[in-house]
Amino acid sequence: MTEITISAARAQLGDLVRRAAHSRETIALTDHGHVAALLVSPQVIEDLEDALAVSDYQRRKAEGTLGPGIPMAEVRRRLGLEKK
């Protein structure tokens, strides 16, 4: 993880955002020596959200607390994909 002060980041914010977005590099913006914010790629956040959802599903499955599923025919009906 690259660290840069907020004051130094001001002059190169566009470049820092592009680095985070395209290389999946995490860039920490520091304020008085402490990390104040992170620049991360949206894809990194999406990947973390997906991993969290899978983990939550696996935990609920192991605990036996999953709700009832939705039959495929109902999913198709709701999405307007019924066979005609």
N, C-alpha and C. Protein backbone atom coordinates (compact mmCIF):
# COMPACT_ATOMS: atom_id res chain seq x y z
N MET A 1 0.86 -1.17 0.00
CA MET A 1 0.00 0.00 0.00
C MET A 1 0.90 1.23 0.00
N THR A 2 0.59 2.13 -0.90
CA THR A 2 1.32 3.39 -1.00
C THR A 2 0.68 4.40 -0.07
N GLU A 3 1.51 5.14 0.67
CA GLU A 3 0.99 6.21 1.53
C GLU A 3 1.47 7.55 1.02
N ILE A 4 0.58 8.53 1.06
CA ILE A 4 0.92 9.88 0.63
C ILE A 4 0.12 10.86 1.48
N THR A 5 0.73 11.98 1.82
CA THR A 5 0.00 12.96 2.63
C THR A 5 -1.10 13.60 1.80
N ILE A 6 -2.12 14.07 2.48
CA ILE A 6 -3.23 14.73 1.79
C ILE A 6 -2.72 15.95 1.02
N SER A 7 -1.83 16.71 1.64
CA SER A 7 -1.33 17.92 0.97
C SER A 7 -0.56 17.56 -0.29
N ALA A 8 0.24 16.50 -0.27
CA ALA A 8 0.98 16.08 -1.46
C ALA A 8 0.04 15.49 -2.51
N ALA A 9 -1.03 14.86 -2.06
CA ALA A 9 -1.98 14.22 -2.99
C ALA A 9 -2.76 15.24 -3.80
N ARG A 10 -2.97 16.41 -3.24
CA ARG A 10 -3.76 17.43 -3.96
C ARG A 10 -3.22 17.68 -5.37
N ALA A 11 -1.91 17.80 -5.47
CA ALA A 11 -1.30 18.14 -6.76
C ALA A 11 -1.34 16.99 -7.76
N GLN A 12 -1.54 15.77 -7.27
CA GLN A 12 -1.51 14.62 -8.17
C GLN A 12 -2.72 13.72 -8.03
N LEU A 13 -3.83 14.30 -7.61
CA LEU A 13 -5.02 13.50 -7.34
C LEU A 13 -5.48 12.70 -8.55
N GLY A 14 -5.50 13.31 -9.72
CA GLY A 14 -5.92 12.59 -10.93
C GLY A 14 -5.07 11.36 -11.18
N ASP A 15 -3.76 11.51 -11.08
CA ASP A 15 -2.85 10.38 -11.29
C ASP A 15 -3.06 9.30 -10.24
N LEU A 16 -3.26 9.71 -8.99
CA LEU A 16 -3.46 8.74 -7.91
C LEU A 16 -4.76 7.95 -8.13
N VAL A 17 -5.81 8.63 -8.53
CA VAL A 17 -7.08 7.96 -8.78
C VAL A 17 -6.93 6.96 -9.92
N ARG A 18 -6.26 7.37 -10.99
CA ARG A 18 -6.05 6.45 -12.12
C ARG A 18 -5.21 5.24 -11.70
N ARG A 19 -4.19 5.45 -10.87
CA ARG A 19 -3.38 4.32 -10.38
C ARG A 19 -4.25 3.35 -9.60
N ALA A 20 -5.07 3.87 -8.72
CA ALA A 20 -5.94 3.00 -7.92
C ALA A 20 -6.94 2.27 -8.80
N ALA A 21 -7.50 2.97 -9.76
CA ALA A 21 -8.54 2.38 -10.61
C ALA A 21 -8.01 1.32 -11.56
N HIS A 22 -6.84 1.57 -12.14
CA HIS A 22 -6.36 0.68 -13.20
C HIS A 22 -5.40 -0.41 -12.72
N SER A 23 -4.69 -0.17 -11.64
CA SER A 23 -3.72 -1.18 -11.20
C SER A 23 -4.18 -1.92 -9.95
N ARG A 24 -5.37 -1.55 -9.45
CA ARG A 24 -5.90 -2.14 -8.21
C ARG A 24 -4.97 -1.87 -7.04
N GLU A 25 -4.18 -0.81 -7.15
CA GLU A 25 -3.29 -0.41 -6.06
C GLU A 25 -4.11 0.36 -5.03
N THR A 26 -3.87 0.09 -3.75
CA THR A 26 -4.51 0.86 -2.69
C THR A 26 -3.58 1.99 -2.30
N ILE A 27 -4.12 3.19 -2.26
CA ILE A 27 -3.33 4.36 -1.91
C ILE A 27 -3.94 4.97 -0.65
N ALA A 28 -3.12 5.08 0.39
CA ALA A 28 -3.57 5.63 1.65
C ALA A 28 -3.24 7.11 1.71
N LEU A 29 -4.23 7.92 2.00
CA LEU A 29 -4.03 9.35 2.19
C LEU A 29 -3.88 9.59 3.68
N THR A 30 -2.76 10.20 4.07
CA THR A 30 -2.49 10.38 5.49
C THR A 30 -2.65 11.84 5.90
N ASP A 31 -3.03 12.02 7.15
CA ASP A 31 -3.20 13.34 7.75
C ASP A 31 -2.49 13.30 9.09
N HIS A 32 -1.43 14.06 9.22
CA HIS A 32 -0.62 14.08 10.44
C HIS A 32 -0.14 12.69 10.83
N GLY A 33 0.27 11.92 9.81
CA GLY A 33 0.86 10.60 10.05
C GLY A 33 -0.13 9.46 10.21
N HIS A 34 -1.40 9.75 10.16
CA HIS A 34 -2.43 8.71 10.32
C HIS A 34 -3.22 8.57 9.02
N VAL A 35 -3.56 7.33 8.68
CA VAL A 35 -4.35 7.09 7.47
C VAL A 35 -5.74 7.70 7.67
N ALA A 36 -6.10 8.61 6.76
CA ALA A 36 -7.39 9.29 6.84
C ALA A 36 -8.39 8.76 5.83
N ALA A 37 -7.88 8.25 4.70
CA ALA A 37 -8.76 7.75 3.65
C ALA A 37 -7.96 6.83 2.74
N LEU A 38 -8.69 6.00 2.00
CA LEU A 38 -8.06 5.09 1.04
C LEU A 38 -8.65 5.32 -0.34
N LEU A 39 -7.78 5.28 -1.34
CA LEU A 39 -8.22 5.26 -2.73
C LEU A 39 -8.11 3.82 -3.19
N VAL A 40 -9.24 3.23 -3.57
CA VAL A 40 -9.24 1.85 -4.05
C VAL A 40 -10.10 1.75 -5.29
N SER A 41 -9.81 0.77 -6.10
CA SER A 41 -10.57 0.52 -7.32
C SER A 41 -11.98 0.07 -6.96
N PRO A 42 -12.99 0.51 -7.71
CA PRO A 42 -14.34 0.01 -7.48
C PRO A 42 -14.40 -1.52 -7.58
N GLN A 43 -13.57 -2.11 -8.44
CA GLN A 43 -13.55 -3.57 -8.59
C GLN A 43 -13.12 -4.25 -7.29
N VAL A 44 -12.18 -3.63 -6.57
CA VAL A 44 -11.74 -4.20 -5.29
C VAL A 44 -12.91 -4.23 -4.32
N ILE A 45 -13.67 -3.14 -4.26
CA ILE A 45 -14.83 -3.08 -3.36
C ILE A 45 -15.87 -4.13 -3.77
N GLU A 46 -16.13 -4.24 -5.07
CA GLU A 46 -17.10 -5.24 -5.55
C GLU A 46 -16.64 -6.65 -5.19
N ASP A 47 -15.35 -6.93 -5.34
CA ASP A 47 -14.83 -8.25 -4.99
C ASP A 47 -15.00 -8.53 -3.50
N LEU A 48 -14.74 -7.52 -2.67
CA LEU A 48 -14.91 -7.69 -1.22
C LEU A 48 -16.38 -7.91 -0.86
N GLU A 49 -17.27 -7.17 -1.51
CA GLU A 49 -18.70 -7.35 -1.25
C GLU A 49 -19.16 -8.75 -1.66
N ASP A 50 -18.66 -9.23 -2.80
CA ASP A 50 -19.00 -10.59 -3.25
C ASP A 50 -18.51 -11.63 -2.26
N ALA A 51 -17.26 -11.47 -1.80
CA ALA A 51 -16.69 -12.43 -0.84
C ALA A 51 -17.48 -12.41 0.46
N LEU A 52 -17.89 -11.24 0.89
CA LEU A 52 -18.68 -11.12 2.11
C LEU A 52 -20.04 -11.79 1.95
N ALA A 53 -20.67 -11.62 0.79
CA ALA A 53 -21.97 -12.25 0.54
C ALA A 53 -21.85 -13.77 0.54
N VAL A 54 -20.81 -14.30 -0.08
CA VAL A 54 -20.59 -15.75 -0.10
C VAL A 54 -20.35 -16.26 1.31
N SER A 55 -19.53 -15.55 2.06
CA SER A 55 -19.25 -15.95 3.44
C SER A 55 -20.52 -15.94 4.29
N ASP A 56 -21.34 -14.91 4.12
CA ASP A 56 -22.60 -14.82 4.86
C ASP A 56 -23.52 -15.97 4.49
N TYR A 57 -23.61 -16.30 3.19
CA TYR A 57 -24.42 -17.42 2.74
C TYR A 57 -23.94 -18.73 3.36
N GLN A 58 -22.63 -18.96 3.33
CA GLN A 58 -22.07 -20.20 3.88
C GLN A 58 -22.33 -20.30 5.38
N ARG A 59 -22.21 -19.16 6.09
CA ARG A 59 -22.47 -19.16 7.53
C ARG A 59 -23.93 -19.49 7.81
N ARG A 60 -24.85 -18.83 7.08
CA ARG A 60 -26.27 -19.09 7.31
C ARG A 60 -26.65 -20.51 6.93
N LYS A 61 -26.01 -21.05 5.90
CA LYS A 61 -26.27 -22.44 5.50
C LYS A 61 -25.81 -23.38 6.60
N ALA A 62 -24.62 -23.14 7.16
CA ALA A 62 -24.09 -23.99 8.23
C ALA A 62 -24.95 -23.90 9.48
N GLU A 63 -25.50 -22.72 9.75
CA GLU A 63 -26.35 -22.53 10.93
C GLU A 63 -27.77 -23.03 10.71
N GLY A 64 -28.11 -23.30 9.46
CA GLY A 64 -29.47 -23.73 9.14
C GLY A 64 -30.47 -22.59 9.18
N THR A 65 -29.99 -21.37 8.93
CA THR A 65 -30.88 -20.21 9.01
C THR A 65 -31.19 -19.59 7.65
N LEU A 66 -30.94 -20.32 6.57
CA LEU A 66 -31.30 -19.81 5.25
C LEU A 66 -32.81 -19.81 5.11
N GLY A 67 -33.33 -18.78 4.50
CA GLY A 67 -34.76 -18.72 4.24
C GLY A 67 -35.11 -19.64 3.09
N PRO A 68 -36.40 -19.79 2.82
CA PRO A 68 -36.80 -20.64 1.70
C PRO A 68 -36.35 -20.02 0.38
N GLY A 69 -36.01 -20.87 -0.56
CA GLY A 69 -35.60 -20.40 -1.88
C GLY A 69 -36.81 -20.02 -2.72
N ILE A 70 -36.55 -19.52 -3.91
CA ILE A 70 -37.62 -19.17 -4.84
C ILE A 70 -37.53 -20.14 -6.01
N PRO A 71 -38.61 -20.84 -6.32
CA PRO A 71 -38.58 -21.78 -7.44
C PRO A 71 -38.22 -21.07 -8.75
N MET A 72 -37.52 -21.78 -9.63
CA MET A 72 -37.07 -21.21 -10.90
C MET A 72 -38.23 -20.66 -11.73
N ALA A 73 -39.36 -21.35 -11.71
CA ALA A 73 -40.52 -20.88 -12.48
C ALA A 73 -40.97 -19.50 -11.98
N GLU A 74 -40.92 -19.28 -10.68
CA GLU A 74 -41.30 -17.98 -10.11
C GLU A 74 -40.28 -16.90 -10.49
N VAL A 75 -39.00 -17.25 -10.48
CA VAL A 75 -37.96 -16.30 -10.88
C VAL A 75 -38.19 -15.88 -12.33
N ARG A 76 -38.44 -16.86 -13.18
CA ARG A 76 -38.69 -16.55 -14.60
C ARG A 76 -39.92 -15.65 -14.76
N ARG A 77 -40.97 -15.95 -14.00
CA ARG A 77 -42.19 -15.15 -14.08
C ARG A 77 -41.90 -13.71 -13.66
N ARG A 78 -41.18 -13.53 -12.55
CA ARG A 78 -40.87 -12.18 -12.05
C ARG A 78 -40.01 -11.39 -13.02
N LEU A 79 -39.14 -12.09 -13.73
CA LEU A 79 -38.25 -11.42 -14.68
C LEU A 79 -38.84 -11.32 -16.08
N GLY A 80 -40.04 -11.84 -16.24
CA GLY A 80 -40.68 -11.80 -17.56
C GLY A 80 -40.03 -12.73 -18.56
N LEU A 81 -39.49 -13.84 -18.08
CA LEU A 81 -38.78 -14.79 -18.93
C LEU A 81 -39.55 -16.09 -19.11
N GLU A 82 -40.85 -16.05 -18.89
CA GLU A 82 -41.65 -17.26 -19.00
C GLU A 82 -41.60 -17.80 -20.42
N LYS A 83 -41.55 -19.12 -20.52
CA LYS A 83 -41.58 -19.76 -21.84
C LYS A 83 -42.98 -19.62 -22.40
N LYS A 84 -43.06 -19.29 -23.68
CA LYS A 84 -44.38 -19.09 -24.30
C LYS A 84 -44.64 -20.12 -25.34
